[in-house]
Amino acid sequence: MKIILTACISLISGNAIAQTRVIDVGKANTGGTAPSNLFYAMGGVPMNNAKYVAFVEGTPFFNESFTRGKIVLSGGRIYNNIKLRLDLMDNTLQYISPEGEELIATTPIKTVFLTDSATQKENQFDHSGQIMTLSKIETAWYQLLDTGVLSLYKRHHKTIRENKPYGSATVDQYITNAYSYYMLINSVFTPIKKIKALPDMLQDKKTELKEYIINNNLTGKSDKEYRAVVGYYNSLIATK
């Protein structure tokens, strides 16, 4: 009986390790298995390179160029060192396969980390279908700005306007970007209309948050200000 129990524990542990295995696609010591593993893990259809050919202002992407990053699949497996690009107009993830082909991922992906080449900072995006909430969420990629008892998300809203100049055979595309913020607490995902609404949304620390916003002259014009309020709330909960 002891032998059987030990074998079962070993099997469970082995499965857990397999699920969280990190595969570095950019390294050559992966035994030559990375290309096929990557394709079967992410799926892929060819990109439509004619979709955005005439935009003269703005970009549909989080970063215009492909950048190094990593993905986390719904099962927990991680693929690192992939060239990625997030299209926030149609909420698709693009990647370059080890063979150099530009593809759109078709497999459900939980999280994407995009590395800023200048600062080496990682920008984390969670897909709406993978955020643990009881609320109904619009399908999109949500950027995680802060996490704790209270998590802060940001959504990038991309819209396109087309204009055909007089006498021109081509159409110019103008892409604008707007933002909205959301909080996740107790499995409830809620939009934040403005930073001054947070005290009323977090009644347990209403007085402290209201004073914090007033004393620091926070208006909600930047990610930094939203992060500050959420970070302050989490610090209050931690010292409770």
C-alpha atoms as a PDB file:
ATOM      1  CA  MET A   1       0.000   0.000   0.000  1.00  0.00           C
ATOM      2  CA  LYS A   2       2.900   2.339   0.878  1.00  0.00           C
ATOM      3  CA  ILE A   3       4.566   1.644  -2.478  1.00  0.00           C
ATOM      4  CA  ILE A   4       1.350   2.408  -4.367  1.00  0.00           C
ATOM      5  CA  LEU A   5       0.844   5.653  -2.441  1.00  0.00           C
ATOM      6  CA  THR A   6       4.439   6.733  -3.120  1.00  0.00           C
ATOM      7  CA  ALA A   7       3.992   6.022  -6.822  1.00  0.00           C
ATOM      8  CA  CYS A   8       0.795   8.081  -6.947  1.00  0.00           C
ATOM      9  CA  ILE A   9       2.487  11.031  -5.243  1.00  0.00           C
ATOM     10  CA  SER A  10       5.394  10.816  -7.691  1.00  0.00           C
ATOM     11  CA  LEU A  11       2.998  10.770 -10.624  1.00  0.00           C
ATOM     12  CA  ILE A  12       1.090  13.824  -9.342  1.00  0.00           C
ATOM     13  CA  SER A  13       4.344  15.700  -8.720  1.00  0.00           C
ATOM     14  CA  GLY A  14       5.574  14.815 -12.184  1.00  0.00           C
ATOM     15  CA  ASN A  15       2.407  16.169 -13.765  1.00  0.00           C
ATOM     16  CA  ALA A  16       2.665  19.406 -11.793  1.00  0.00           C
ATOM     17  CA  ILE A  17       6.262  19.898 -12.927  1.00  0.00           C
ATOM     18  CA  ALA A  18       5.297  19.199 -16.526  1.00  0.00           C
ATOM     19  CA  GLN A  19       2.522  21.759 -16.403  1.00  0.00           C
ATOM     20  CA  THR A  20       4.846  24.514 -15.154  1.00  0.00           C
ATOM     21  CA  ARG A  21       7.813  23.620 -17.349  1.00  0.00           C
ATOM     22  CA  VAL A  22       9.496  26.646 -18.909  1.00  0.00           C
ATOM     23  CA  ILE A  23      10.613  26.196 -22.518  1.00  0.00           C
ATOM     24  CA  ASP A  24      13.119  28.742 -23.820  1.00  0.00           C
ATOM     25  CA  VAL A  25      12.416  28.940 -27.542  1.00  0.00           C
ATOM     26  CA  GLY A  26      15.406  31.186 -28.183  1.00  0.00           C
ATOM     27  CA  LYS A  27      18.013  28.687 -26.965  1.00  0.00           C
ATOM     28  CA  ALA A  28      19.553  26.042 -29.149  1.00  0.00           C
ATOM     29  CA  ASN A  29      19.867  23.477 -26.355  1.00  0.00           C
ATOM     30  CA  THR A  30      16.199  22.543 -26.431  1.00  0.00           C
ATOM     31  CA  GLY A  31      17.018  19.386 -28.337  1.00  0.00           C
ATOM     32  CA  GLY A  32      15.447  20.652 -31.542  1.00  0.00           C
ATOM     33  CA  THR A  33      11.938  20.234 -30.112  1.00  0.00           C
ATOM     34  CA  ALA A  34      11.046  23.895 -29.596  1.00  0.00           C
ATOM     35  CA  PRO A  35       9.777  24.656 -33.116  1.00  0.00           C
ATOM     36  CA  SER A  36       7.142  21.926 -33.173  1.00  0.00           C
ATOM     37  CA  ASN A  37       6.289  22.367 -29.501  1.00  0.00           C
ATOM     38  CA  LEU A  38       5.756  26.077 -29.987  1.00  0.00           C
ATOM     39  CA  PHE A  39       3.531  25.657 -33.027  1.00  0.00           C
ATOM     40  CA  TYR A  40       1.379  22.954 -31.465  1.00  0.00           C
ATOM     41  CA  ALA A  41       1.140  24.903 -28.203  1.00  0.00           C
ATOM     42  CA  MET A  42       0.154  28.250 -29.735  1.00  0.00           C
ATOM     43  CA  GLY A  43      -1.393  27.168 -33.013  1.00  0.00           C
ATOM     44  CA  GLY A  44      -1.031  29.602 -35.846  1.00  0.00           C
ATOM     45  CA  VAL A  45      -2.549  31.077 -38.967  1.00  0.00           C
ATOM     46  CA  PRO A  46      -0.671  33.401 -41.331  1.00  0.00           C
ATOM     47  CA  MET A  47      -0.996  37.124 -40.691  1.00  0.00           C
ATOM     48  CA  ASN A  48      -2.908  39.357 -43.068  1.00  0.00           C
ATOM     49  CA  ASN A  49      -0.156  41.863 -43.818  1.00  0.00           C
ATOM     50  CA  ALA A  50      -2.511  43.940 -45.946  1.00  0.00           C
ATOM     51  CA  LYS A  51      -4.758  44.775 -42.992  1.00  0.00           C
ATOM     52  CA  TYR A  52      -2.733  47.739 -41.731  1.00  0.00           C
ATOM     53  CA  VAL A  53      -0.860  49.198 -44.665  1.00  0.00           C
ATOM     54  CA  ALA A  54      -1.871  52.830 -44.709  1.00  0.00           C
ATOM     55  CA  PHE A  55      -2.023  54.072 -41.127  1.00  0.00           C
ATOM     56  CA  VAL A  56      -0.446  57.505 -40.864  1.00  0.00           C
ATOM     57  CA  GLU A  57      -1.135  58.083 -37.183  1.00  0.00           C
ATOM     58  CA  GLY A  58      -1.184  55.761 -34.182  1.00  0.00           C
ATOM     59  CA  THR A  59      -0.700  52.014 -34.095  1.00  0.00           C
ATOM     60  CA  PRO A  60      -2.998  49.017 -33.536  1.00  0.00           C
ATOM     61  CA  PHE A  61      -0.282  47.310 -31.497  1.00  0.00           C
ATOM     62  CA  PHE A  62       0.962  47.707 -27.942  1.00  0.00           C
ATOM     63  CA  ASN A  63       4.456  47.846 -29.436  1.00  0.00           C
ATOM     64  CA  GLU A  64       4.878  48.517 -33.130  1.00  0.00           C
ATOM     65  CA  SER A  65       7.739  46.043 -33.461  1.00  0.00           C
ATOM     66  CA  PHE A  66       7.930  42.420 -32.396  1.00  0.00           C
ATOM     67  CA  THR A  67       9.545  42.217 -28.955  1.00  0.00           C
ATOM     68  CA  ARG A  68      10.904  39.371 -26.878  1.00  0.00           C
ATOM     69  CA  GLY A  69       8.492  37.976 -24.342  1.00  0.00           C
ATOM     70  CA  LYS A  70       6.863  34.898 -22.906  1.00  0.00           C
ATOM     71  CA  ILE A  71       3.442  33.303 -22.816  1.00  0.00           C
ATOM     72  CA  VAL A  72       1.632  31.272 -20.187  1.00  0.00           C
ATOM     73  CA  LEU A  73      -0.835  28.710 -21.494  1.00  0.00           C
ATOM     74  CA  SER A  74      -4.067  27.921 -19.675  1.00  0.00           C
ATOM     75  CA  GLY A  75      -2.506  24.693 -18.400  1.00  0.00           C
ATOM     76  CA  GLY A  76       0.413  26.565 -16.855  1.00  0.00           C
ATOM     77  CA  ARG A  77       3.178  25.758 -19.326  1.00  0.00           C
ATOM     78  CA  ILE A  78       5.441  28.700 -20.138  1.00  0.00           C
ATOM     79  CA  TYR A  79       7.181  29.477 -23.422  1.00  0.00           C
ATOM     80  CA  ASN A  80       9.940  32.045 -23.031  1.00  0.00           C
ATOM     81  CA  ASN A  81      12.038  34.168 -25.380  1.00  0.00           C
ATOM     82  CA  ILE A  82       9.480  34.395 -28.205  1.00  0.00           C
ATOM     83  CA  LYS A  83       9.159  37.352 -30.539  1.00  0.00           C
ATOM     84  CA  LEU A  84       5.647  38.662 -29.863  1.00  0.00           C
ATOM     85  CA  ARG A  85       3.352  41.491 -30.856  1.00  0.00           C
ATOM     86  CA  LEU A  86      -0.053  42.219 -29.335  1.00  0.00           C
ATOM     87  CA  ASP A  87      -2.741  43.590 -31.658  1.00  0.00           C
ATOM     88  CA  LEU A  88      -5.076  45.528 -29.380  1.00  0.00           C
ATOM     89  CA  MET A  89      -7.409  46.423 -32.223  1.00  0.00           C
ATOM     90  CA  ASP A  90      -8.675  42.897 -32.805  1.00  0.00           C
ATOM     91  CA  ASN A  91      -7.227  41.335 -29.612  1.00  0.00           C
ATOM     92  CA  THR A  92      -4.928  38.852 -31.301  1.00  0.00           C
ATOM     93  CA  LEU A  93      -1.438  37.746 -30.363  1.00  0.00           C
ATOM     94  CA  GLN A  94       1.106  37.583 -33.156  1.00  0.00           C
ATOM     95  CA  TYR A  95       4.387  35.732 -32.948  1.00  0.00           C
ATOM     96  CA  ILE A  96       7.344  34.765 -35.096  1.00  0.00           C
ATOM     97  CA  SER A  97       7.879  31.040 -35.307  1.00  0.00           C
ATOM     98  CA  PRO A  98      11.401  29.585 -35.002  1.00  0.00           C
ATOM     99  CA  GLU A  99      11.267  29.258 -38.788  1.00  0.00           C
ATOM    100  CA  GLY A 100      10.761  33.020 -39.132  1.00  0.00           C
ATOM    101  CA  GLU A 101       7.095  32.948 -40.157  1.00  0.00           C
ATOM    102  CA  GLU A 102       4.736  35.614 -38.778  1.00  0.00           C
ATOM    103  CA  LEU A 103       1.669  33.884 -37.323  1.00  0.00           C
ATOM    104  CA  ILE A 104      -1.430  34.652 -35.264  1.00  0.00           C
ATOM    105  CA  ALA A 105      -1.860  32.407 -32.215  1.00  0.00           C
ATOM    106  CA  THR A 106      -5.088  30.411 -32.248  1.00  0.00           C
ATOM    107  CA  THR A 107      -4.739  28.549 -28.942  1.00  0.00           C
ATOM    108  CA  PRO A 108      -6.243  30.125 -25.795  1.00  0.00           C
ATOM    109  CA  ILE A 109      -3.419  31.860 -23.936  1.00  0.00           C
ATOM    110  CA  LYS A 110      -3.674  32.927 -20.304  1.00  0.00           C
ATOM    111  CA  THR A 111      -0.988  35.576 -19.993  1.00  0.00           C
ATOM    112  CA  VAL A 112       1.489  37.430 -22.177  1.00  0.00           C
ATOM    113  CA  PHE A 113       4.631  39.176 -20.925  1.00  0.00           C
ATOM    114  CA  LEU A 114       6.168  41.729 -23.295  1.00  0.00           C
ATOM    115  CA  THR A 115       9.670  42.927 -22.440  1.00  0.00           C
ATOM    116  CA  ASP A 116      10.569  46.563 -23.018  1.00  0.00           C
ATOM    117  CA  SER A 117      13.928  46.403 -24.807  1.00  0.00           C
ATOM    118  CA  ALA A 118      15.062  49.738 -23.343  1.00  0.00           C
ATOM    119  CA  THR A 119      14.175  49.210 -19.678  1.00  0.00           C
ATOM    120  CA  GLN A 120      13.846  45.394 -19.597  1.00  0.00           C
ATOM    121  CA  LYS A 121      10.557  45.953 -17.792  1.00  0.00           C
ATOM    122  CA  GLU A 122       7.889  43.303 -18.354  1.00  0.00           C
ATOM    123  CA  ASN A 123       4.386  44.396 -19.303  1.00  0.00           C
ATOM    124  CA  GLN A 124       1.852  41.748 -18.320  1.00  0.00           C
ATOM    125  CA  PHE A 125      -1.404  41.232 -20.195  1.00  0.00           C
ATOM    126  CA  ASP A 126      -4.067  38.759 -19.024  1.00  0.00           C
ATOM    127  CA  HIS A 127      -6.728  37.539 -21.418  1.00  0.00           C
ATOM    128  CA  SER A 128     -10.312  38.149 -20.336  1.00  0.00           C
ATOM    129  CA  GLY A 129     -11.152  34.477 -20.691  1.00  0.00           C
ATOM    130  CA  GLN A 130      -8.514  33.557 -18.124  1.00  0.00           C
ATOM    131  CA  ILE A 131      -9.134  36.199 -15.432  1.00  0.00           C
ATOM    132  CA  MET A 132     -10.568  34.501 -12.344  1.00  0.00           C
ATOM    133  CA  THR A 133     -13.789  36.417 -11.831  1.00  0.00           C
ATOM    134  CA  LEU A 134     -17.512  35.861 -11.491  1.00  0.00           C
ATOM    135  CA  SER A 135     -18.181  39.007 -13.520  1.00  0.00           C
ATOM    136  CA  LYS A 136     -18.856  39.142 -17.228  1.00  0.00           C
ATOM    137  CA  ILE A 137     -15.890  40.707 -19.012  1.00  0.00           C
ATOM    138  CA  GLU A 138     -15.620  42.035 -22.542  1.00  0.00           C
ATOM    139  CA  THR A 139     -13.243  39.969 -24.634  1.00  0.00           C
ATOM    140  CA  ALA A 140      -9.896  41.747 -24.630  1.00  0.00           C
ATOM    141  CA  TRP A 141      -6.364  41.745 -23.307  1.00  0.00           C
ATOM    142  CA  TYR A 142      -6.101  43.566 -19.969  1.00  0.00           C
ATOM    143  CA  GLN A 143      -2.798  44.981 -18.758  1.00  0.00           C
ATOM    144  CA  LEU A 144      -2.072  44.137 -15.130  1.00  0.00           C
ATOM    145  CA  LEU A 145      -0.737  47.251 -13.400  1.00  0.00           C
ATOM    146  CA  ASP A 146      -0.775  46.137  -9.759  1.00  0.00           C
ATOM    147  CA  THR A 147      -1.719  43.046  -7.841  1.00  0.00           C
ATOM    148  CA  GLY A 148      -2.579  42.061  -4.289  1.00  0.00           C
ATOM    149  CA  VAL A 149      -5.863  41.722  -2.425  1.00  0.00           C
ATOM    150  CA  LEU A 150      -6.925  44.388  -4.916  1.00  0.00           C
ATOM    151  CA  SER A 151      -5.635  44.084  -8.484  1.00  0.00           C
ATOM    152  CA  LEU A 152      -5.583  46.913 -11.003  1.00  0.00           C
ATOM    153  CA  TYR A 153      -6.101  46.377 -14.725  1.00  0.00           C
ATOM    154  CA  LYS A 154      -5.958  48.685 -17.717  1.00  0.00           C
ATOM    155  CA  ARG A 155      -7.609  48.192 -21.083  1.00  0.00           C
ATOM    156  CA  HIS A 156      -6.365  49.835 -24.263  1.00  0.00           C
ATOM    157  CA  HIS A 157      -9.222  50.789 -26.593  1.00  0.00           C
ATOM    158  CA  LYS A 158      -8.033  51.133 -30.185  1.00  0.00           C
ATOM    159  CA  THR A 159     -10.293  52.665 -32.825  1.00  0.00           C
ATOM    160  CA  ILE A 160      -9.617  53.302 -36.476  1.00  0.00           C
ATOM    161  CA  ARG A 161     -10.726  56.127 -38.730  1.00  0.00           C
ATOM    162  CA  GLU A 162     -10.196  56.028 -42.469  1.00  0.00           C
ATOM    163  CA  ASN A 163      -9.931  58.977 -44.790  1.00  0.00           C
ATOM    164  CA  LYS A 164      -9.436  59.017 -48.535  1.00  0.00           C
ATOM    165  CA  PRO A 165      -7.752  62.262 -49.611  1.00  0.00           C
ATOM    166  CA  TYR A 166      -9.182  63.945 -52.673  1.00  0.00           C
ATOM    167  CA  GLY A 167      -7.611  62.549 -55.805  1.00  0.00           C
ATOM    168  CA  SER A 168      -5.819  59.764 -53.932  1.00  0.00           C
ATOM    169  CA  ALA A 169      -6.140  56.093 -54.779  1.00  0.00           C
ATOM    170  CA  THR A 170      -5.330  55.026 -51.224  1.00  0.00           C
ATOM    171  CA  VAL A 171      -7.094  55.370 -47.886  1.00  0.00           C
ATOM    172  CA  ASP A 172      -5.268  56.848 -44.897  1.00  0.00           C
ATOM    173  CA  GLN A 173      -5.830  55.134 -41.548  1.00  0.00           C
ATOM    174  CA  TYR A 174      -5.782  57.022 -38.244  1.00  0.00           C
ATOM    175  CA  ILE A 175      -5.720  54.955 -35.064  1.00  0.00           C
ATOM    176  CA  THR A 176      -6.553  56.497 -31.710  1.00  0.00           C
ATOM    177  CA  ASN A 177      -6.068  55.039 -28.261  1.00  0.00           C
ATOM    178  CA  ALA A 178      -8.223  55.457 -25.161  1.00  0.00           C
ATOM    179  CA  TYR A 179      -7.901  53.791 -21.773  1.00  0.00           C
ATOM    180  CA  SER A 180     -10.135  52.422 -19.061  1.00  0.00           C
ATOM    181  CA  TYR A 181      -9.243  51.031 -15.656  1.00  0.00           C
ATOM    182  CA  TYR A 182     -10.694  48.087 -13.738  1.00  0.00           C
ATOM    183  CA  MET A 183     -10.294  46.593 -10.305  1.00  0.00           C
ATOM    184  CA  LEU A 184     -10.458  42.936  -9.318  1.00  0.00           C
ATOM    185  CA  ILE A 185     -11.274  42.075  -5.721  1.00  0.00           C
ATOM    186  CA  ASN A 186     -13.081  39.073  -4.226  1.00  0.00           C
ATOM    187  CA  SER A 187     -13.502  37.653  -7.760  1.00  0.00           C
ATOM    188  CA  VAL A 188     -15.464  40.741  -8.853  1.00  0.00           C
ATOM    189  CA  PHE A 189     -14.156  42.664 -11.873  1.00  0.00           C
ATOM    190  CA  THR A 190     -15.425  46.252 -11.876  1.00  0.00           C
ATOM    191  CA  PRO A 191     -14.748  49.276 -14.111  1.00  0.00           C
ATOM    192  CA  ILE A 192     -13.349  52.363 -12.388  1.00  0.00           C
ATOM    193  CA  LYS A 193     -15.046  55.458 -13.792  1.00  0.00           C
ATOM    194  CA  LYS A 194     -12.570  57.850 -12.175  1.00  0.00           C
ATOM    195  CA  ILE A 195      -9.934  57.769  -9.494  1.00  0.00           C
ATOM    196  CA  LYS A 196     -12.101  59.717  -7.043  1.00  0.00           C
ATOM    197  CA  ALA A 197     -14.691  56.933  -7.232  1.00  0.00           C
ATOM    198  CA  LEU A 198     -12.345  54.419  -5.604  1.00  0.00           C
ATOM    199  CA  PRO A 199     -13.122  55.366  -1.967  1.00  0.00           C
ATOM    200  CA  ASP A 200     -16.822  54.671  -2.520  1.00  0.00           C
ATOM    201  CA  MET A 201     -15.977  51.401  -4.275  1.00  0.00           C
ATOM    202  CA  LEU A 202     -13.806  50.276  -1.360  1.00  0.00           C
ATOM    203  CA  GLN A 203     -15.997  51.095   1.607  1.00  0.00           C
ATOM    204  CA  ASP A 204     -13.808  49.331   4.178  1.00  0.00           C
ATOM    205  CA  LYS A 205     -11.086  51.958   3.643  1.00  0.00           C
ATOM    206  CA  LYS A 206     -13.182  54.816   2.310  1.00  0.00           C
ATOM    207  CA  THR A 207     -11.952  57.509   4.693  1.00  0.00           C
ATOM    208  CA  GLU A 208      -8.271  56.628   4.319  1.00  0.00           C
ATOM    209  CA  LEU A 209      -8.438  56.474   0.507  1.00  0.00           C
ATOM    210  CA  LYS A 210     -10.317  59.746   0.231  1.00  0.00           C
ATOM    211  CA  GLU A 211      -7.736  61.513   2.370  1.00  0.00           C
ATOM    212  CA  TYR A 212      -4.885  59.909   0.416  1.00  0.00           C
ATOM    213  CA  ILE A 213      -6.267  61.098  -2.926  1.00  0.00           C
ATOM    214  CA  ILE A 214      -6.849  64.639  -1.642  1.00  0.00           C
ATOM    215  CA  ASN A 215      -3.503  64.946   0.152  1.00  0.00           C
ATOM    216  CA  ASN A 216      -1.575  63.764  -2.918  1.00  0.00           C
ATOM    217  CA  ASN A 217      -3.613  65.791  -5.428  1.00  0.00           C
ATOM    218  CA  LEU A 218      -4.382  62.702  -7.505  1.00  0.00           C
ATOM    219  CA  THR A 219      -6.547  63.272 -10.567  1.00  0.00           C
ATOM    220  CA  GLY A 220      -6.230  59.926 -12.342  1.00  0.00           C
ATOM    221  CA  LYS A 221      -4.343  61.216 -15.366  1.00  0.00           C
ATOM    222  CA  SER A 222      -1.727  58.473 -15.294  1.00  0.00           C
ATOM    223  CA  ASP A 223      -1.173  54.807 -14.516  1.00  0.00           C
ATOM    224  CA  LYS A 224       1.155  55.900 -11.729  1.00  0.00           C
ATOM    225  CA  GLU A 225      -1.647  57.632  -9.839  1.00  0.00           C
ATOM    226  CA  TYR A 226      -4.003  54.653 -10.075  1.00  0.00           C
ATOM    227  CA  ARG A 227      -1.167  52.374  -8.976  1.00  0.00           C
ATOM    228  CA  ALA A 228      -0.509  54.626  -5.997  1.00  0.00           C
ATOM    229  CA  VAL A 229      -4.086  54.380  -4.712  1.00  0.00           C
ATOM    230  CA  VAL A 230      -4.312  50.626  -5.251  1.00  0.00           C
ATOM    231  CA  GLY A 231      -0.907  50.101  -3.647  1.00  0.00           C
ATOM    232  CA  TYR A 232      -1.961  52.200  -0.675  1.00  0.00           C
ATOM    233  CA  TYR A 233      -5.164  50.184  -0.250  1.00  0.00           C
ATOM    234  CA  ASN A 234      -3.227  46.909  -0.347  1.00  0.00           C
ATOM    235  CA  SER A 235      -0.786  48.253   2.244  1.00  0.00           C
ATOM    236  CA  LEU A 236      -3.690  49.120   4.552  1.00  0.00           C
ATOM    237  CA  ILE A 237      -5.088  45.612   4.206  1.00  0.00           C
ATOM    238  CA  ALA A 238      -1.666  44.061   4.840  1.00  0.00           C
ATOM    239  CA  THR A 239      -1.270  45.929   8.134  1.00  0.00           C
ATOM    240  CA  LYS A 240      -4.838  45.271   9.247  1.00  0.00           C
END
